All heavy atoms as atom14 arrays in JSON, in Angstrom:
{
  "sequence": "AFQYWVLMDLFGNPPFVTDANAVGSALPPQTDRKTLFNYIESE",
  "atom14_mask": [
    [1, 1, 1, 1, 1, 0, 0, 0, 0, 0, 0, 0, 0, 0],
    [1, 1, 1, 1, 1, 1, 1, 1, 1, 1, 1, 0, 0, 0],
    [1, 1, 1, 1, 1, 1, 1, 1, 1, 0, 0, 0, 0, 0],
    [1, 1, 1, 1, 1, 1, 1, 1, 1, 1, 1, 1, 0, 0],
    [1, 1, 1, 1, 1, 1, 1, 1, 1, 1, 1, 1, 1, 1],
    [1, 1, 1, 1, 1, 1, 1, 0, 0, 0, 0, 0, 0, 0],
    [1, 1, 1, 1, 1, 1, 1, 1, 0, 0, 0, 0, 0, 0],
    [1, 1, 1, 1, 1, 1, 1, 1, 0, 0, 0, 0, 0, 0],
    [1, 1, 1, 1, 1, 1, 1, 1, 0, 0, 0, 0, 0, 0],
    [1, 1, 1, 1, 1, 1, 1, 1, 0, 0, 0, 0, 0, 0],
    [1, 1, 1, 1, 1, 1, 1, 1, 1, 1, 1, 0, 0, 0],
    [1, 1, 1, 1, 0, 0, 0, 0, 0, 0, 0, 0, 0, 0],
    [1, 1, 1, 1, 1, 1, 1, 1, 0, 0, 0, 0, 0, 0],
    [1, 1, 1, 1, 1, 1, 1, 0, 0, 0, 0, 0, 0, 0],
    [1, 1, 1, 1, 1, 1, 1, 0, 0, 0, 0, 0, 0, 0],
    [1, 1, 1, 1, 1, 1, 1, 1, 1, 1, 1, 0, 0, 0],
    [1, 1, 1, 1, 1, 1, 1, 0, 0, 0, 0, 0, 0, 0],
    [1, 1, 1, 1, 1, 1, 1, 0, 0, 0, 0, 0, 0, 0],
    [1, 1, 1, 1, 1, 1, 1, 1, 0, 0, 0, 0, 0, 0],
    [1, 1, 1, 1, 1, 0, 0, 0, 0, 0, 0, 0, 0, 0],
    [1, 1, 1, 1, 1, 1, 1, 1, 0, 0, 0, 0, 0, 0],
    [1, 1, 1, 1, 1, 0, 0, 0, 0, 0, 0, 0, 0, 0],
    [1, 1, 1, 1, 1, 1, 1, 0, 0, 0, 0, 0, 0, 0],
    [1, 1, 1, 1, 0, 0, 0, 0, 0, 0, 0, 0, 0, 0],
    [1, 1, 1, 1, 1, 1, 0, 0, 0, 0, 0, 0, 0, 0],
    [1, 1, 1, 1, 1, 0, 0, 0, 0, 0, 0, 0, 0, 0],
    [1, 1, 1, 1, 1, 1, 1, 1, 0, 0, 0, 0, 0, 0],
    [1, 1, 1, 1, 1, 1, 1, 0, 0, 0, 0, 0, 0, 0],
    [1, 1, 1, 1, 1, 1, 1, 0, 0, 0, 0, 0, 0, 0],
    [1, 1, 1, 1, 1, 1, 1, 1, 1, 0, 0, 0, 0, 0],
    [1, 1, 1, 1, 1, 1, 1, 0, 0, 0, 0, 0, 0, 0],
    [1, 1, 1, 1, 1, 1, 1, 1, 0, 0, 0, 0, 0, 0],
    [1, 1, 1, 1, 1, 1, 1, 1, 1, 1, 1, 0, 0, 0],
    [1, 1, 1, 1, 1, 1, 1, 1, 1, 0, 0, 0, 0, 0],
    [1, 1, 1, 1, 1, 1, 1, 0, 0, 0, 0, 0, 0, 0],
    [1, 1, 1, 1, 1, 1, 1, 1, 0, 0, 0, 0, 0, 0],
    [1, 1, 1, 1, 1, 1, 1, 1, 1, 1, 1, 0, 0, 0],
    [1, 1, 1, 1, 1, 1, 1, 1, 0, 0, 0, 0, 0, 0],
    [1, 1, 1, 1, 1, 1, 1, 1, 1, 1, 1, 1, 0, 0],
    [1, 1, 1, 1, 1, 1, 1, 1, 0, 0, 0, 0, 0, 0],
    [1, 1, 1, 1, 1, 1, 1, 1, 1, 0, 0, 0, 0, 0],
    [1, 1, 1, 1, 1, 1, 0, 0, 0, 0, 0, 0, 0, 0],
    [1, 1, 1, 1, 1, 1, 1, 1, 1, 0, 0, 0, 0, 0]
  ],
  "atom14_positions": [
    [[91.18, 50.81, -68.95], [91.54, 52.12, -69.37], [91.65, 53.17, -68.27], [92.62, 54.01, -68.33], [90.5, 52.67, -70.43], [0.0, 0.0, 0.0], [0.0, 0.0, 0.0], [0.0, 0.0, 0.0], [0.0, 0.0, 0.0], [0.0, 0.0, 0.0], [0.0, 0.0, 0.0], [0.0, 0.0, 0.0], [0.0, 0.0, 0.0], [0.0, 0.0, 0.0]],
    [[90.84, 52.99, -67.27], [90.96, 53.99, -66.13], [92.1, 53.75, -65.37], [92.88, 54.66, -65.06], [89.7, 53.77, -65.21], [89.74, 54.52, -63.89], [89.52, 55.86, -63.88], [90.15, 53.84, -62.8], [89.67, 56.44, -62.6], [90.31, 54.56, -61.55], [90.09, 55.88, -61.51], [0.0, 0.0, 0.0], [0.0, 0.0, 0.0], [0.0, 0.0, 0.0]],
    [[92.5, 52.46, -65.16], [93.71, 52.22, -64.41], [95.03, 52.61, -65.15], [95.93, 53.09, -64.66], [93.77, 50.79, -63.92], [92.87, 50.39, -62.88], [93.22, 51.08, -61.55], [94.26, 51.67, -61.41], [92.31, 50.94, -60.59], [0.0, 0.0, 0.0], [0.0, 0.0, 0.0], [0.0, 0.0, 0.0], [0.0, 0.0, 0.0], [0.0, 0.0, 0.0]],
    [[94.93, 52.49, -66.45], [96.05, 52.94, -67.26], [96.11, 54.56, -67.22], [97.17, 55.08, -67.26], [96.0, 52.51, -68.77], [96.73, 51.19, -68.9], [96.07, 50.11, -69.6], [98.06, 51.09, -68.63], [96.83, 48.94, -69.77], [98.85, 49.84, -68.84], [98.1, 48.8, -69.43], [98.75, 47.66, -69.56], [0.0, 0.0, 0.0], [0.0, 0.0, 0.0]],
    [[94.88, 55.15, -67.21], [94.97, 56.6, -66.99], [95.56, 57.04, -65.72], [96.4, 57.99, -65.67], [93.55, 57.18, -66.99], [93.57, 58.66, -66.61], [93.87, 59.73, -67.37], [93.25, 59.13, -65.25], [93.74, 60.74, -66.54], [93.34, 60.49, -65.3], [92.74, 58.45, -64.11], [93.14, 61.35, -64.13], [92.51, 59.32, -62.99], [92.71, 60.75, -63.01]],
    [[95.3, 56.33, -64.6], [95.97, 56.58, -63.31], [97.41, 56.41, -63.48], [98.13, 57.31, -62.97], [95.4, 55.61, -62.2], [96.26, 55.71, -60.9], [93.99, 55.91, -61.91], [0.0, 0.0, 0.0], [0.0, 0.0, 0.0], [0.0, 0.0, 0.0], [0.0, 0.0, 0.0], [0.0, 0.0, 0.0], [0.0, 0.0, 0.0], [0.0, 0.0, 0.0]],
    [[97.88, 55.41, -64.07], [99.35, 55.22, -64.26], [99.96, 56.42, -65.07], [101.09, 56.76, -64.83], [99.59, 53.82, -64.83], [99.36, 52.65, -63.92], [99.35, 51.35, -64.68], [100.26, 52.55, -62.71], [0.0, 0.0, 0.0], [0.0, 0.0, 0.0], [0.0, 0.0, 0.0], [0.0, 0.0, 0.0], [0.0, 0.0, 0.0], [0.0, 0.0, 0.0]],
    [[99.34, 56.65, -66.23], [99.84, 57.67, -67.01], [99.88, 58.96, -66.29], [100.85, 59.84, -66.49], [98.9, 57.87, -68.27], [99.29, 58.96, -69.21], [98.21, 59.1, -70.64], [96.7, 59.75, -69.66], [0.0, 0.0, 0.0], [0.0, 0.0, 0.0], [0.0, 0.0, 0.0], [0.0, 0.0, 0.0], [0.0, 0.0, 0.0], [0.0, 0.0, 0.0]],
    [[98.83, 59.27, -65.56], [98.73, 60.58, -64.83], [99.81, 60.73, -63.84], [100.4, 61.78, -63.66], [97.34, 60.77, -64.26], [97.22, 62.02, -63.56], [97.25, 63.16, -64.2], [96.92, 62.06, -62.26], [0.0, 0.0, 0.0], [0.0, 0.0, 0.0], [0.0, 0.0, 0.0], [0.0, 0.0, 0.0], [0.0, 0.0, 0.0], [0.0, 0.0, 0.0]],
    [[100.04, 59.62, -63.15], [101.05, 59.83, -61.97], [102.43, 59.38, -62.35], [103.35, 59.94, -61.83], [100.47, 59.02, -60.73], [99.44, 59.71, -59.88], [98.09, 59.53, -60.5], [99.38, 59.16, -58.55], [0.0, 0.0, 0.0], [0.0, 0.0, 0.0], [0.0, 0.0, 0.0], [0.0, 0.0, 0.0], [0.0, 0.0, 0.0], [0.0, 0.0, 0.0]],
    [[102.53, 58.26, -63.12], [103.85, 57.66, -63.37], [104.33, 57.85, -64.79], [105.57, 57.64, -64.98], [103.88, 56.23, -63.04], [103.52, 55.89, -61.64], [102.21, 55.53, -61.26], [104.51, 55.9, -60.6], [101.85, 55.17, -59.99], [104.13, 55.56, -59.33], [102.9, 55.31, -58.96], [0.0, 0.0, 0.0], [0.0, 0.0, 0.0], [0.0, 0.0, 0.0]],
    [[103.43, 58.35, -65.66], [103.87, 58.7, -67.01], [104.12, 57.68, -67.99], [103.43, 57.54, -69.0], [0.0, 0.0, 0.0], [0.0, 0.0, 0.0], [0.0, 0.0, 0.0], [0.0, 0.0, 0.0], [0.0, 0.0, 0.0], [0.0, 0.0, 0.0], [0.0, 0.0, 0.0], [0.0, 0.0, 0.0], [0.0, 0.0, 0.0], [0.0, 0.0, 0.0]],
    [[105.07, 56.69, -67.67], [105.6, 55.72, -68.65], [105.64, 54.28, -68.18], [106.76, 53.73, -67.99], [107.02, 56.18, -69.23], [107.05, 57.68, -69.5], [106.38, 58.11, -70.43], [107.82, 58.41, -68.74], [0.0, 0.0, 0.0], [0.0, 0.0, 0.0], [0.0, 0.0, 0.0], [0.0, 0.0, 0.0], [0.0, 0.0, 0.0], [0.0, 0.0, 0.0]],
    [[104.44, 53.72, -67.84], [104.46, 52.4, -67.2], [104.71, 51.31, -68.2], [104.7, 51.53, -69.43], [103.16, 52.33, -66.65], [102.24, 53.15, -67.57], [103.06, 54.13, -68.1], [0.0, 0.0, 0.0], [0.0, 0.0, 0.0], [0.0, 0.0, 0.0], [0.0, 0.0, 0.0], [0.0, 0.0, 0.0], [0.0, 0.0, 0.0], [0.0, 0.0, 0.0]],
    [[104.89, 50.09, -67.7], [104.95, 48.97, -68.68], [103.39, 48.74, -69.17], [102.51, 49.28, -68.6], [105.26, 47.71, -67.68], [104.92, 48.17, -66.38], [105.22, 49.62, -66.32], [0.0, 0.0, 0.0], [0.0, 0.0, 0.0], [0.0, 0.0, 0.0], [0.0, 0.0, 0.0], [0.0, 0.0, 0.0], [0.0, 0.0, 0.0], [0.0, 0.0, 0.0]],
    [[103.31, 48.06, -70.33], [102.06, 47.97, -71.0], [101.81, 46.64, -71.56], [102.67, 46.04, -72.2], [102.01, 48.92, -72.17], [100.68, 49.02, -72.9], [99.61, 49.63, -72.34], [100.65, 48.34, -74.14], [98.34, 49.67, -73.11], [99.46, 48.35, -74.93], [98.31, 48.94, -74.36], [0.0, 0.0, 0.0], [0.0, 0.0, 0.0], [0.0, 0.0, 0.0]],
    [[100.63, 46.1, -71.16], [100.31, 44.75, -71.62], [98.71, 44.68, -71.59], [98.06, 45.36, -70.74], [100.79, 43.65, -70.67], [100.24, 43.73, -69.3], [100.64, 42.26, -71.31], [0.0, 0.0, 0.0], [0.0, 0.0, 0.0], [0.0, 0.0, 0.0], [0.0, 0.0, 0.0], [0.0, 0.0, 0.0], [0.0, 0.0, 0.0], [0.0, 0.0, 0.0]],
    [[98.14, 44.02, -72.61], [96.7, 43.82, -72.73], [96.31, 42.33, -72.84], [97.23, 41.41, -72.78], [96.1, 44.6, -73.91], [96.57, 43.92, -75.17], [96.64, 46.01, -74.04], [0.0, 0.0, 0.0], [0.0, 0.0, 0.0], [0.0, 0.0, 0.0], [0.0, 0.0, 0.0], [0.0, 0.0, 0.0], [0.0, 0.0, 0.0], [0.0, 0.0, 0.0]],
    [[95.08, 42.07, -73.06], [94.6, 40.75, -73.24], [95.25, 39.99, -74.42], [95.17, 38.8, -74.63], [93.18, 40.59, -73.23], [92.54, 41.47, -74.3], [92.63, 42.67, -74.33], [92.07, 40.9, -75.41], [0.0, 0.0, 0.0], [0.0, 0.0, 0.0], [0.0, 0.0, 0.0], [0.0, 0.0, 0.0], [0.0, 0.0, 0.0], [0.0, 0.0, 0.0]],
    [[95.71, 40.83, -75.37], [96.35, 40.34, -76.64], [97.64, 39.69, -76.49], [98.16, 38.95, -77.22], [96.43, 41.44, -77.7], [0.0, 0.0, 0.0], [0.0, 0.0, 0.0], [0.0, 0.0, 0.0], [0.0, 0.0, 0.0], [0.0, 0.0, 0.0], [0.0, 0.0, 0.0], [0.0, 0.0, 0.0], [0.0, 0.0, 0.0], [0.0, 0.0, 0.0]],
    [[98.31, 40.0, -75.24], [99.65, 39.52, -75.05], [99.47, 38.01, -74.41], [98.71, 37.79, -73.55], [100.43, 40.36, -73.96], [100.67, 41.71, -74.51], [99.87, 42.62, -74.44], [101.85, 41.95, -75.14], [0.0, 0.0, 0.0], [0.0, 0.0, 0.0], [0.0, 0.0, 0.0], [0.0, 0.0, 0.0], [0.0, 0.0, 0.0], [0.0, 0.0, 0.0]],
    [[100.33, 37.17, -74.97], [100.36, 35.77, -74.34], [100.78, 35.83, -72.91], [101.72, 36.55, -72.53], [101.17, 34.9, -75.2], [0.0, 0.0, 0.0], [0.0, 0.0, 0.0], [0.0, 0.0, 0.0], [0.0, 0.0, 0.0], [0.0, 0.0, 0.0], [0.0, 0.0, 0.0], [0.0, 0.0, 0.0], [0.0, 0.0, 0.0], [0.0, 0.0, 0.0]],
    [[100.18, 35.06, -72.03], [100.42, 35.06, -70.66], [101.93, 34.68, -70.4], [102.27, 33.51, -70.86], [99.42, 34.16, -69.72], [99.86, 34.3, -68.36], [98.07, 34.78, -69.96], [0.0, 0.0, 0.0], [0.0, 0.0, 0.0], [0.0, 0.0, 0.0], [0.0, 0.0, 0.0], [0.0, 0.0, 0.0], [0.0, 0.0, 0.0], [0.0, 0.0, 0.0]],
    [[102.69, 35.46, -69.67], [104.0, 35.05, -69.33], [104.99, 34.91, -70.5], [106.06, 34.33, -70.39], [0.0, 0.0, 0.0], [0.0, 0.0, 0.0], [0.0, 0.0, 0.0], [0.0, 0.0, 0.0], [0.0, 0.0, 0.0], [0.0, 0.0, 0.0], [0.0, 0.0, 0.0], [0.0, 0.0, 0.0], [0.0, 0.0, 0.0], [0.0, 0.0, 0.0]],
    [[104.67, 35.51, -71.71], [105.44, 35.21, -72.86], [106.75, 36.05, -72.88], [107.72, 35.66, -73.39], [104.63, 35.59, -74.12], [104.26, 36.94, -74.1], [0.0, 0.0, 0.0], [0.0, 0.0, 0.0], [0.0, 0.0, 0.0], [0.0, 0.0, 0.0], [0.0, 0.0, 0.0], [0.0, 0.0, 0.0], [0.0, 0.0, 0.0], [0.0, 0.0, 0.0]],
    [[106.67, 37.27, -72.25], [107.84, 38.09, -72.31], [107.69, 39.22, -71.2], [106.61, 39.45, -70.69], [108.01, 38.75, -73.66], [0.0, 0.0, 0.0], [0.0, 0.0, 0.0], [0.0, 0.0, 0.0], [0.0, 0.0, 0.0], [0.0, 0.0, 0.0], [0.0, 0.0, 0.0], [0.0, 0.0, 0.0], [0.0, 0.0, 0.0], [0.0, 0.0, 0.0]],
    [[108.75, 39.84, -70.83], [108.7, 40.98, -70.04], [107.95, 42.08, -70.65], [108.15, 42.35, -71.88], [110.13, 41.54, -69.65], [111.07, 40.61, -68.91], [112.48, 41.1, -68.92], [110.57, 40.42, -67.44], [0.0, 0.0, 0.0], [0.0, 0.0, 0.0], [0.0, 0.0, 0.0], [0.0, 0.0, 0.0], [0.0, 0.0, 0.0], [0.0, 0.0, 0.0]],
    [[106.99, 42.7, -70.0], [106.2, 43.79, -70.57], [107.02, 44.87, -71.08], [107.95, 45.36, -70.38], [105.26, 44.24, -69.38], [105.28, 43.13, -68.48], [106.55, 42.45, -68.5], [0.0, 0.0, 0.0], [0.0, 0.0, 0.0], [0.0, 0.0, 0.0], [0.0, 0.0, 0.0], [0.0, 0.0, 0.0], [0.0, 0.0, 0.0], [0.0, 0.0, 0.0]],
    [[106.75, 45.37, -72.26], [107.51, 46.57, -72.79], [106.98, 47.86, -72.05], [105.87, 47.86, -71.52], [107.1, 46.58, -74.21], [105.76, 45.92, -74.3], [105.74, 44.9, -73.26], [0.0, 0.0, 0.0], [0.0, 0.0, 0.0], [0.0, 0.0, 0.0], [0.0, 0.0, 0.0], [0.0, 0.0, 0.0], [0.0, 0.0, 0.0], [0.0, 0.0, 0.0]],
    [[107.81, 48.88, -72.11], [107.49, 50.12, -71.54], [106.75, 50.98, -72.61], [107.21, 50.93, -73.81], [108.71, 50.93, -70.94], [108.32, 52.16, -70.27], [109.6, 52.7, -69.55], [110.76, 52.46, -69.94], [109.39, 53.47, -68.52], [0.0, 0.0, 0.0], [0.0, 0.0, 0.0], [0.0, 0.0, 0.0], [0.0, 0.0, 0.0], [0.0, 0.0, 0.0]],
    [[105.72, 51.67, -72.28], [105.11, 52.61, -73.12], [105.56, 53.94, -72.72], [106.09, 54.22, -71.78], [103.57, 52.45, -73.1], [103.0, 53.28, -74.13], [103.02, 52.92, -71.71], [0.0, 0.0, 0.0], [0.0, 0.0, 0.0], [0.0, 0.0, 0.0], [0.0, 0.0, 0.0], [0.0, 0.0, 0.0], [0.0, 0.0, 0.0], [0.0, 0.0, 0.0]],
    [[105.11, 54.98, -73.57], [105.43, 56.36, -73.29], [104.07, 57.06, -73.03], [103.0, 56.47, -73.46], [106.28, 57.06, -74.31], [105.53, 57.07, -75.7], [104.77, 57.98, -75.9], [105.83, 56.21, -76.49], [0.0, 0.0, 0.0], [0.0, 0.0, 0.0], [0.0, 0.0, 0.0], [0.0, 0.0, 0.0], [0.0, 0.0, 0.0], [0.0, 0.0, 0.0]],
    [[104.17, 58.25, -72.5], [102.91, 58.86, -72.09], [101.95, 59.24, -73.31], [100.78, 58.99, -73.2], [103.16, 60.15, -71.3], [102.33, 60.53, -70.16], [102.8, 61.65, -69.43], [102.11, 61.84, -68.16], [102.18, 62.95, -67.37], [103.02, 63.99, -67.68], [101.51, 62.99, -66.22], [0.0, 0.0, 0.0], [0.0, 0.0, 0.0], [0.0, 0.0, 0.0]],
    [[102.55, 59.61, -74.38], [101.72, 60.13, -75.49], [101.11, 58.79, -76.15], [99.94, 58.81, -76.57], [102.54, 60.82, -76.53], [101.67, 61.36, -77.75], [102.53, 62.24, -78.58], [101.69, 62.78, -79.76], [102.47, 63.72, -80.66], [0.0, 0.0, 0.0], [0.0, 0.0, 0.0], [0.0, 0.0, 0.0], [0.0, 0.0, 0.0], [0.0, 0.0, 0.0]],
    [[101.86, 57.72, -76.19], [101.43, 56.49, -76.8], [100.21, 55.93, -75.91], [99.14, 55.5, -76.45], [102.41, 55.44, -77.03], [103.45, 55.98, -77.8], [101.94, 54.07, -77.5], [0.0, 0.0, 0.0], [0.0, 0.0, 0.0], [0.0, 0.0, 0.0], [0.0, 0.0, 0.0], [0.0, 0.0, 0.0], [0.0, 0.0, 0.0], [0.0, 0.0, 0.0]],
    [[100.44, 56.05, -74.65], [99.31, 55.56, -73.75], [98.12, 56.3, -73.76], [97.01, 55.82, -73.73], [99.93, 55.54, -72.29], [99.06, 54.72, -71.25], [98.61, 53.38, -71.7], [99.8, 54.73, -69.82], [0.0, 0.0, 0.0], [0.0, 0.0, 0.0], [0.0, 0.0, 0.0], [0.0, 0.0, 0.0], [0.0, 0.0, 0.0], [0.0, 0.0, 0.0]],
    [[98.24, 57.6, -73.93], [97.14, 58.5, -74.1], [96.32, 58.11, -75.24], [95.07, 57.97, -75.15], [97.62, 59.98, -74.24], [96.5, 60.9, -74.51], [95.99, 61.8, -73.62], [96.03, 61.13, -75.86], [94.99, 62.67, -73.76], [95.0, 62.05, -76.09], [94.52, 62.79, -75.11], [0.0, 0.0, 0.0], [0.0, 0.0, 0.0], [0.0, 0.0, 0.0]],
    [[97.01, 57.85, -76.42], [96.32, 57.52, -77.64], [95.57, 56.18, -77.39], [94.44, 55.9, -77.98], [97.22, 57.36, -78.77], [97.78, 58.73, -79.16], [97.23, 59.82, -79.01], [99.0, 58.75, -79.82], [0.0, 0.0, 0.0], [0.0, 0.0, 0.0], [0.0, 0.0, 0.0], [0.0, 0.0, 0.0], [0.0, 0.0, 0.0], [0.0, 0.0, 0.0]],
    [[96.22, 55.19, -76.74], [95.61, 53.89, -76.48], [94.33, 54.14, -75.67], [93.28, 53.59, -75.89], [96.61, 52.9, -75.77], [95.88, 51.81, -75.18], [95.43, 50.76, -76.01], [95.54, 51.76, -73.8], [94.77, 49.61, -75.38], [94.81, 50.68, -73.26], [94.49, 49.62, -74.09], [93.73, 48.54, -73.62], [0.0, 0.0, 0.0], [0.0, 0.0, 0.0]],
    [[94.48, 54.86, -74.55], [93.27, 55.0, -73.7], [92.15, 55.71, -74.46], [90.95, 55.29, -74.39], [93.68, 55.97, -72.43], [94.71, 55.13, -71.63], [92.44, 56.35, -71.56], [95.33, 56.07, -70.56], [0.0, 0.0, 0.0], [0.0, 0.0, 0.0], [0.0, 0.0, 0.0], [0.0, 0.0, 0.0], [0.0, 0.0, 0.0], [0.0, 0.0, 0.0]],
    [[92.46, 56.76, -75.19], [91.42, 57.38, -76.06], [90.77, 56.46, -77.01], [89.52, 56.38, -77.09], [92.13, 58.57, -76.8], [91.18, 59.26, -77.71], [91.85, 60.35, -78.65], [93.04, 60.1, -78.99], [91.18, 61.22, -79.0], [0.0, 0.0, 0.0], [0.0, 0.0, 0.0], [0.0, 0.0, 0.0], [0.0, 0.0, 0.0], [0.0, 0.0, 0.0]],
    [[91.61, 55.7, -77.7], [90.96, 54.8, -78.71], [90.15, 53.63, -78.15], [89.19, 53.25, -78.53], [92.05, 54.13, -79.54], [92.96, 53.4, -78.8], [0.0, 0.0, 0.0], [0.0, 0.0, 0.0], [0.0, 0.0, 0.0], [0.0, 0.0, 0.0], [0.0, 0.0, 0.0], [0.0, 0.0, 0.0], [0.0, 0.0, 0.0], [0.0, 0.0, 0.0]],
    [[90.66, 53.18, -76.94], [89.93, 52.02, -76.2], [88.61, 52.61, -75.69], [87.65, 51.89, -75.82], [90.82, 51.53, -75.07], [90.26, 50.36, -74.27], [90.3, 49.09, -75.05], [90.72, 49.1, -76.18], [90.04, 48.15, -74.42], [0.0, 0.0, 0.0], [0.0, 0.0, 0.0], [0.0, 0.0, 0.0], [0.0, 0.0, 0.0], [0.0, 0.0, 0.0]]
  ]
}
């Protein structure tokens, strides 16, 4: 969550993947700043 906060703070809209994603299954989707904020808060 801290590292996602760093990415959100500086880069805004990074790719997003968690342990729930199968390894190497697909290209990581891009998230947006507000969605990432909500994820960090909830996590």
